[in-house]
Amino acid sequence: MTVLLATLLLANAVFNVLVWPTFLRRVARDPRARDTAGRPTRFLKVHVVLIGIALLLAAASAVAGIVALVQS
């Protein structure tokens, strides 16, 4: 069971690392991301924070998955 859960954590980490940066590029190109002066809007700032948190959780999942695999 531990190996299964470790594998799930690692799959979660890989998924997040592959998906969220692509989404961030799409958000950054969105017209709502910058105002007329070129400054970042709330839309962009909120998405950057959310994606940052998702990537931080991905890193934590990767570490937990690796630790679980090593200990099993």
PDB file of N, CA and C in Angstrom:
ATOM      1  N   MET A   1       0.821  -1.199   0.000  1.00  0.00           N
ATOM      2  CA  MET A   1       0.000   0.000   0.000  1.00  0.00           C
ATOM      3  C   MET A   1       0.863   1.261   0.000  1.00  0.00           C
ATOM      4  N   THR A   2       1.973   1.247   0.733  1.00  0.00           N
ATOM      5  CA  THR A   2       2.847   2.412   0.792  1.00  0.00           C
ATOM      6  C   THR A   2       3.409   2.747  -0.579  1.00  0.00           C
ATOM      7  N   VAL A   3       3.782   1.740  -1.338  1.00  0.00           N
ATOM      8  CA  VAL A   3       4.322   1.984  -2.681  1.00  0.00           C
ATOM      9  C   VAL A   3       3.246   2.589  -3.576  1.00  0.00           C
ATOM     10  N   LEU A   4       2.025   2.125  -3.438  1.00  0.00           N
ATOM     11  CA  LEU A   4       0.927   2.667  -4.223  1.00  0.00           C
ATOM     12  C   LEU A   4       0.705   4.146  -3.902  1.00  0.00           C
ATOM     13  N   LEU A   5       0.697   4.488  -2.629  1.00  0.00           N
ATOM     14  CA  LEU A   5       0.497   5.874  -2.229  1.00  0.00           C
ATOM     15  C   LEU A   5       1.677   6.744  -2.648  1.00  0.00           C
ATOM     16  N   ALA A   6       2.889   6.230  -2.547  1.00  0.00           N
ATOM     17  CA  ALA A   6       4.076   6.969  -2.984  1.00  0.00           C
ATOM     18  C   ALA A   6       4.012   7.232  -4.489  1.00  0.00           C
ATOM     19  N   THR A   7       3.574   6.243  -5.237  1.00  0.00           N
ATOM     20  CA  THR A   7       3.430   6.395  -6.682  1.00  0.00           C
ATOM     21  C   THR A   7       2.368   7.442  -7.009  1.00  0.00           C
ATOM     22  N   LEU A   8       1.293   7.434  -6.268  1.00  0.00           N
ATOM     23  CA  LEU A   8       0.247   8.432  -6.464  1.00  0.00           C
ATOM     24  C   LEU A   8       0.769   9.842  -6.180  1.00  0.00           C
ATOM     25  N   LEU A   9       1.538  10.012  -5.126  1.00  0.00           N
ATOM     26  CA  LEU A   9       2.127  11.311  -4.812  1.00  0.00           C
ATOM     27  C   LEU A   9       3.072  11.773  -5.926  1.00  0.00           C
ATOM     28  N   LEU A  10       3.872  10.869  -6.440  1.00  0.00           N
ATOM     29  CA  LEU A  10       4.797  11.222  -7.518  1.00  0.00           C
ATOM     30  C   LEU A  10       4.045  11.552  -8.812  1.00  0.00           C
ATOM     31  N   ALA A  11       2.994  10.794  -9.099  1.00  0.00           N
ATOM     32  CA  ALA A  11       2.180  11.093 -10.287  1.00  0.00           C
ATOM     33  C   ALA A  11       1.521  12.464 -10.146  1.00  0.00           C
ATOM     34  N   ASN A  12       1.054  12.788  -8.961  1.00  0.00           N
ATOM     35  CA  ASN A  12       0.469  14.091  -8.698  1.00  0.00           C
ATOM     36  C   ASN A  12       1.498  15.194  -8.945  1.00  0.00           C
ATOM     37  N   ALA A  13       2.700  15.006  -8.459  1.00  0.00           N
ATOM     38  CA  ALA A  13       3.755  16.005  -8.636  1.00  0.00           C
ATOM     39  C   ALA A  13       4.077  16.209 -10.113  1.00  0.00           C
ATOM     40  N   VAL A  14       4.217  15.125 -10.844  1.00  0.00           N
ATOM     41  CA  VAL A  14       4.529  15.224 -12.275  1.00  0.00           C
ATOM     42  C   VAL A  14       3.402  15.920 -13.027  1.00  0.00           C
ATOM     43  N   PHE A  15       2.175  15.552 -12.735  1.00  0.00           N
ATOM     44  CA  PHE A  15       1.030  16.182 -13.381  1.00  0.00           C
ATOM     45  C   PHE A  15       1.040  17.688 -13.154  1.00  0.00           C
ATOM     46  N   ASN A  16       1.222  18.106 -11.904  1.00  0.00           N
ATOM     47  CA  ASN A  16       1.208  19.524 -11.589  1.00  0.00           C
ATOM     48  C   ASN A  16       2.350  20.276 -12.260  1.00  0.00           C
ATOM     49  N   VAL A  17       3.520  19.680 -12.303  1.00  0.00           N
ATOM     50  CA  VAL A  17       4.663  20.344 -12.930  1.00  0.00           C
ATOM     51  C   VAL A  17       4.469  20.468 -14.446  1.00  0.00           C
ATOM     52  N   LEU A  18       3.761  19.539 -15.036  1.00  0.00           N
ATOM     53  CA  LEU A  18       3.507  19.607 -16.483  1.00  0.00           C
ATOM     54  C   LEU A  18       2.364  20.553 -16.834  1.00  0.00           C
ATOM     55  N   VAL A  19       1.331  20.603 -16.025  1.00  0.00           N
ATOM     56  CA  VAL A  19       0.118  21.350 -16.367  1.00  0.00           C
ATOM     57  C   VAL A  19       0.196  22.831 -16.000  1.00  0.00           C
ATOM     58  N   TRP A  20       0.597  23.156 -14.779  1.00  0.00           N
ATOM     59  CA  TRP A  20       0.490  24.530 -14.306  1.00  0.00           C
ATOM     60  C   TRP A  20       1.385  25.530 -15.034  1.00  0.00           C
ATOM     61  N   PRO A  21       2.627  25.221 -15.369  1.00  0.00           N
ATOM     62  CA  PRO A  21       3.412  26.207 -16.127  1.00  0.00           C
ATOM     63  C   PRO A  21       2.791  26.535 -17.495  1.00  0.00           C
ATOM     64  N   THR A  22       2.213  25.549 -18.142  1.00  0.00           N
ATOM     65  CA  THR A  22       1.529  25.786 -19.418  1.00  0.00           C
ATOM     66  C   THR A  22       0.338  26.716 -19.210  1.00  0.00           C
ATOM     67  N   PHE A  23      -0.403  26.489 -18.152  1.00  0.00           N
ATOM     68  CA  PHE A  23      -1.547  27.343 -17.836  1.00  0.00           C
ATOM     69  C   PHE A  23      -1.081  28.769 -17.535  1.00  0.00           C
ATOM     70  N   LEU A  24       0.029  28.900 -16.818  1.00  0.00           N
ATOM     71  CA  LEU A  24       0.554  30.231 -16.500  1.00  0.00           C
ATOM     72  C   LEU A  24       0.926  30.993 -17.772  1.00  0.00           C
ATOM     73  N   ARG A  25       1.511  30.318 -18.730  1.00  0.00           N
ATOM     74  CA  ARG A  25       1.835  30.985 -20.006  1.00  0.00           C
ATOM     75  C   ARG A  25       0.569  31.480 -20.694  1.00  0.00           C
ATOM     76  N   ARG A  26      -0.489  30.690 -20.645  1.00  0.00           N
ATOM     77  CA  ARG A  26      -1.761  31.115 -21.245  1.00  0.00           C
ATOM     78  C   ARG A  26      -2.353  32.307 -20.505  1.00  0.00           C
ATOM     79  N   VAL A  27      -2.277  32.281 -19.186  1.00  0.00           N
ATOM     80  CA  VAL A  27      -2.797  33.393 -18.383  1.00  0.00           C
ATOM     81  C   VAL A  27      -1.998  34.658 -18.660  1.00  0.00           C
ATOM     82  N   ALA A  28      -0.676  34.539 -18.755  1.00  0.00           N
ATOM     83  CA  ALA A  28       0.179  35.711 -18.994  1.00  0.00           C
ATOM     84  C   ALA A  28      -0.105  36.353 -20.351  1.00  0.00           C
ATOM     85  N   ARG A  29      -0.529  35.575 -21.331  1.00  0.00           N
ATOM     86  CA  ARG A  29      -0.849  36.118 -22.658  1.00  0.00           C
ATOM     87  C   ARG A  29      -2.270  36.660 -22.751  1.00  0.00           C
ATOM     88  N   ASP A  30      -3.078  36.381 -21.754  1.00  0.00           N
ATOM     89  CA  ASP A  30      -4.464  36.833 -21.759  1.00  0.00           C
ATOM     90  C   ASP A  30      -4.511  38.360 -21.682  1.00  0.00           C
ATOM     91  N   PRO A  31      -5.401  38.990 -22.427  1.00  0.00           N
ATOM     92  CA  PRO A  31      -5.494  40.460 -22.388  1.00  0.00           C
ATOM     93  C   PRO A  31      -5.829  41.013 -21.001  1.00  0.00           C
ATOM     94  N   ARG A  32      -6.462  40.217 -20.164  1.00  0.00           N
ATOM     95  CA  ARG A  32      -6.807  40.671 -18.814  1.00  0.00           C
ATOM     96  C   ARG A  32      -5.611  40.681 -17.871  1.00  0.00           C
ATOM     97  N   ALA A  33      -4.473  40.136 -18.300  1.00  0.00           N
ATOM     98  CA  ALA A  33      -3.307  40.018 -17.433  1.00  0.00           C
ATOM     99  C   ALA A  33      -2.591  41.350 -17.213  1.00  0.00           C
ATOM    100  N   ARG A  34      -2.731  42.280 -18.144  1.00  0.00           N
ATOM    101  CA  ARG A  34      -2.037  43.578 -18.038  1.00  0.00           C
ATOM    102  C   ARG A  34      -3.016  44.706 -18.320  1.00  0.00           C
ATOM    103  N   ASP A  35      -2.802  45.833 -17.632  1.00  0.00           N
ATOM    104  CA  ASP A  35      -3.651  46.988 -17.900  1.00  0.00           C
ATOM    105  C   ASP A  35      -3.084  47.759 -19.094  1.00  0.00           C
ATOM    106  N   THR A  36      -3.668  48.883 -19.410  1.00  0.00           N
ATOM    107  CA  THR A  36      -3.247  49.650 -20.597  1.00  0.00           C
ATOM    108  C   THR A  36      -1.824  50.173 -20.470  1.00  0.00           C
ATOM    109  N   ALA A  37      -1.341  50.335 -19.245  1.00  0.00           N
ATOM    110  CA  ALA A  37       0.033  50.802 -19.030  1.00  0.00           C
ATOM    111  C   ALA A  37       1.031  49.640 -18.998  1.00  0.00           C
ATOM    112  N   GLY A  38       0.544  48.420 -19.129  1.00  0.00           N
ATOM    113  CA  GLY A  38       1.416  47.249 -19.129  1.00  0.00           C
ATOM    114  C   GLY A  38       1.705  46.671 -17.762  1.00  0.00           C
ATOM    115  N   ARG A  39       1.067  47.203 -16.730  1.00  0.00           N
ATOM    116  CA  ARG A  39       1.271  46.689 -15.372  1.00  0.00           C
ATOM    117  C   ARG A  39       0.410  45.437 -15.154  1.00  0.00           C
ATOM    118  N   PRO A  40       0.910  44.496 -14.332  1.00  0.00           N
ATOM    119  CA  PRO A  40       0.119  43.291 -14.042  1.00  0.00           C
ATOM    120  C   PRO A  40      -1.172  43.648 -13.301  1.00  0.00           C
ATOM    121  N   THR A  41      -2.243  42.985 -13.680  1.00  0.00           N
ATOM    122  CA  THR A  41      -3.539  43.208 -13.042  1.00  0.00           C
ATOM    123  C   THR A  41      -3.743  42.196 -11.924  1.00  0.00           C
ATOM    124  N   ARG A  42      -4.833  42.361 -11.191  1.00  0.00           N
ATOM    125  CA  ARG A  42      -5.196  41.393 -10.153  1.00  0.00           C
ATOM    126  C   ARG A  42      -5.364  39.998 -10.739  1.00  0.00           C
ATOM    127  N   PHE A  43      -5.926  39.937 -11.921  1.00  0.00           N
ATOM    128  CA  PHE A  43      -6.139  38.668 -12.618  1.00  0.00           C
ATOM    129  C   PHE A  43      -4.822  37.893 -12.701  1.00  0.00           C
ATOM    130  N   LEU A  44      -3.773  38.540 -13.142  1.00  0.00           N
ATOM    131  CA  LEU A  44      -2.476  37.882 -13.282  1.00  0.00           C
ATOM    132  C   LEU A  44      -1.878  37.559 -11.915  1.00  0.00           C
ATOM    133  N   LYS A  45      -1.935  38.505 -10.994  1.00  0.00           N
ATOM    134  CA  LYS A  45      -1.345  38.290  -9.666  1.00  0.00           C
ATOM    135  C   LYS A  45      -1.989  37.123  -8.937  1.00  0.00           C
ATOM    136  N   VAL A  46      -3.308  37.053  -8.987  1.00  0.00           N
ATOM    137  CA  VAL A  46      -4.011  35.961  -8.308  1.00  0.00           C
ATOM    138  C   VAL A  46      -3.631  34.621  -8.918  1.00  0.00           C
ATOM    139  N   HIS A  47      -3.575  34.563 -10.237  1.00  0.00           N
ATOM    140  CA  HIS A  47      -3.222  33.301 -10.884  1.00  0.00           C
ATOM    141  C   HIS A  47      -1.773  32.907 -10.599  1.00  0.00           C
ATOM    142  N   VAL A  48      -0.877  33.871 -10.544  1.00  0.00           N
ATOM    143  CA  VAL A  48       0.514  33.557 -10.223  1.00  0.00           C
ATOM    144  C   VAL A  48       0.608  32.966  -8.813  1.00  0.00           C
ATOM    145  N   VAL A  49      -0.117  33.548  -7.869  1.00  0.00           N
ATOM    146  CA  VAL A  49      -0.106  33.032  -6.491  1.00  0.00           C
ATOM    147  C   VAL A  49      -0.681  31.612  -6.454  1.00  0.00           C
ATOM    148  N   LEU A  50      -1.815  31.410  -7.095  1.00  0.00           N
ATOM    149  CA  LEU A  50      -2.439  30.079  -7.086  1.00  0.00           C
ATOM    150  C   LEU A  50      -1.541  29.027  -7.735  1.00  0.00           C
ATOM    151  N   ILE A  51      -0.926  29.377  -8.846  1.00  0.00           N
ATOM    152  CA  ILE A  51      -0.044  28.433  -9.534  1.00  0.00           C
ATOM    153  C   ILE A  51       1.206  28.185  -8.702  1.00  0.00           C
ATOM    154  N   GLY A  52       1.709  29.209  -8.044  1.00  0.00           N
ATOM    155  CA  GLY A  52       2.858  29.036  -7.154  1.00  0.00           C
ATOM    156  C   GLY A  52       2.549  28.065  -6.023  1.00  0.00           C
ATOM    157  N   ILE A  53       1.374  28.203  -5.445  1.00  0.00           N
ATOM    158  CA  ILE A  53       0.962  27.280  -4.375  1.00  0.00           C
ATOM    159  C   ILE A  53       0.842  25.859  -4.914  1.00  0.00           C
ATOM    160  N   ALA A  54       0.263  25.715  -6.101  1.00  0.00           N
ATOM    161  CA  ALA A  54       0.125  24.379  -6.708  1.00  0.00           C
ATOM    162  C   ALA A  54       1.498  23.749  -6.947  1.00  0.00           C
ATOM    163  N   LEU A  55       2.462  24.536  -7.392  1.00  0.00           N
ATOM    164  CA  LEU A  55       3.804  23.993  -7.637  1.00  0.00           C
ATOM    165  C   LEU A  55       4.524  23.684  -6.325  1.00  0.00           C
ATOM    166  N   LEU A  56       4.268  24.475  -5.298  1.00  0.00           N
ATOM    167  CA  LEU A  56       4.836  24.183  -3.984  1.00  0.00           C
ATOM    168  C   LEU A  56       4.276  22.866  -3.445  1.00  0.00           C
ATOM    169  N   LEU A  57       2.970  22.664  -3.619  1.00  0.00           N
ATOM    170  CA  LEU A  57       2.361  21.393  -3.212  1.00  0.00           C
ATOM    171  C   LEU A  57       2.907  20.232  -4.042  1.00  0.00           C
ATOM    172  N   ALA A  58       3.192  20.481  -5.311  1.00  0.00           N
ATOM    173  CA  ALA A  58       3.781  19.440  -6.160  1.00  0.00           C
ATOM    174  C   ALA A  58       5.156  19.050  -5.637  1.00  0.00           C
ATOM    175  N   ALA A  59       5.935  20.040  -5.232  1.00  0.00           N
ATOM    176  CA  ALA A  59       7.264  19.747  -4.686  1.00  0.00           C
ATOM    177  C   ALA A  59       7.143  18.948  -3.387  1.00  0.00           C
ATOM    178  N   ALA A  60       6.190  19.329  -2.542  1.00  0.00           N
ATOM    179  CA  ALA A  60       5.975  18.596  -1.291  1.00  0.00           C
ATOM    180  C   ALA A  60       5.523  17.162  -1.578  1.00  0.00           C
ATOM    181  N   SER A  61       4.665  16.992  -2.585  1.00  0.00           N
ATOM    182  CA  SER A  61       4.213  15.647  -2.962  1.00  0.00           C
ATOM    183  C   SER A  61       5.380  14.811  -3.465  1.00  0.00           C
ATOM    184  N   ALA A  62       6.256  15.420  -4.252  1.00  0.00           N
ATOM    185  CA  ALA A  62       7.418  14.695  -4.776  1.00  0.00           C
ATOM    186  C   ALA A  62       8.331  14.257  -3.637  1.00  0.00           C
ATOM    187  N   VAL A  63       8.599  15.155  -2.714  1.00  0.00           N
ATOM    188  CA  VAL A  63       9.464  14.803  -1.583  1.00  0.00           C
ATOM    189  C   VAL A  63       8.827  13.695  -0.748  1.00  0.00           C
ATOM    190  N   ALA A  64       7.545  13.827  -0.441  1.00  0.00           N
ATOM    191  CA  ALA A  64       6.856  12.801   0.354  1.00  0.00           C
ATOM    192  C   ALA A  64       6.849  11.462  -0.381  1.00  0.00           C
ATOM    193  N   GLY A  65       6.622  11.484  -1.674  1.00  0.00           N
ATOM    194  CA  GLY A  65       6.620  10.245  -2.455  1.00  0.00           C
ATOM    195  C   GLY A  65       7.965   9.572  -2.480  1.00  0.00           C
ATOM    196  N   ILE A  66       9.016  10.354  -2.631  1.00  0.00           N
ATOM    197  CA  ILE A  66      10.380   9.798  -2.643  1.00  0.00           C
ATOM    198  C   ILE A  66      10.745   9.232  -1.272  1.00  0.00           C
ATOM    199  N   VAL A  67      10.417   9.974  -0.223  1.00  0.00           N
ATOM    200  CA  VAL A  67      10.690   9.481   1.134  1.00  0.00           C
ATOM    201  C   VAL A  67       9.932   8.185   1.393  1.00  0.00           C
ATOM    202  N   ALA A  68       8.706   8.123   0.981  1.00  0.00           N
ATOM    203  CA  ALA A  68       7.909   6.908   1.186  1.00  0.00           C
ATOM    204  C   ALA A  68       8.483   5.733   0.409  1.00  0.00           C
ATOM    205  N   LEU A  69       8.962   5.973  -0.797  1.00  0.00           N
ATOM    206  CA  LEU A  69       9.561   4.880  -1.586  1.00  0.00           C
ATOM    207  C   LEU A  69      10.873   4.406  -0.963  1.00  0.00           C
ATOM    208  N   VAL A  70      11.668   5.334  -0.482  1.00  0.00           N
ATOM    209  CA  VAL A  70      12.956   4.972   0.120  1.00  0.00           C
ATOM    210  C   VAL A  70      12.745   4.176   1.404  1.00  0.00           C
ATOM    211  N   GLN A  71      11.738   4.529   2.176  1.00  0.00           N
ATOM    212  CA  GLN A  71      11.492   3.856   3.449  1.00  0.00           C
ATOM    213  C   GLN A  71      10.785   2.517   3.296  1.00  0.00           C
ATOM    214  N   SER A  72      10.207   2.264   2.130  1.00  0.00           N
ATOM    215  CA  SER A  72       9.471   0.992   1.972  1.00  0.00           C
ATOM    216  C   SER A  72      10.379  -0.146   1.573  1.00  0.00           C
TER     217      SER A  72
END
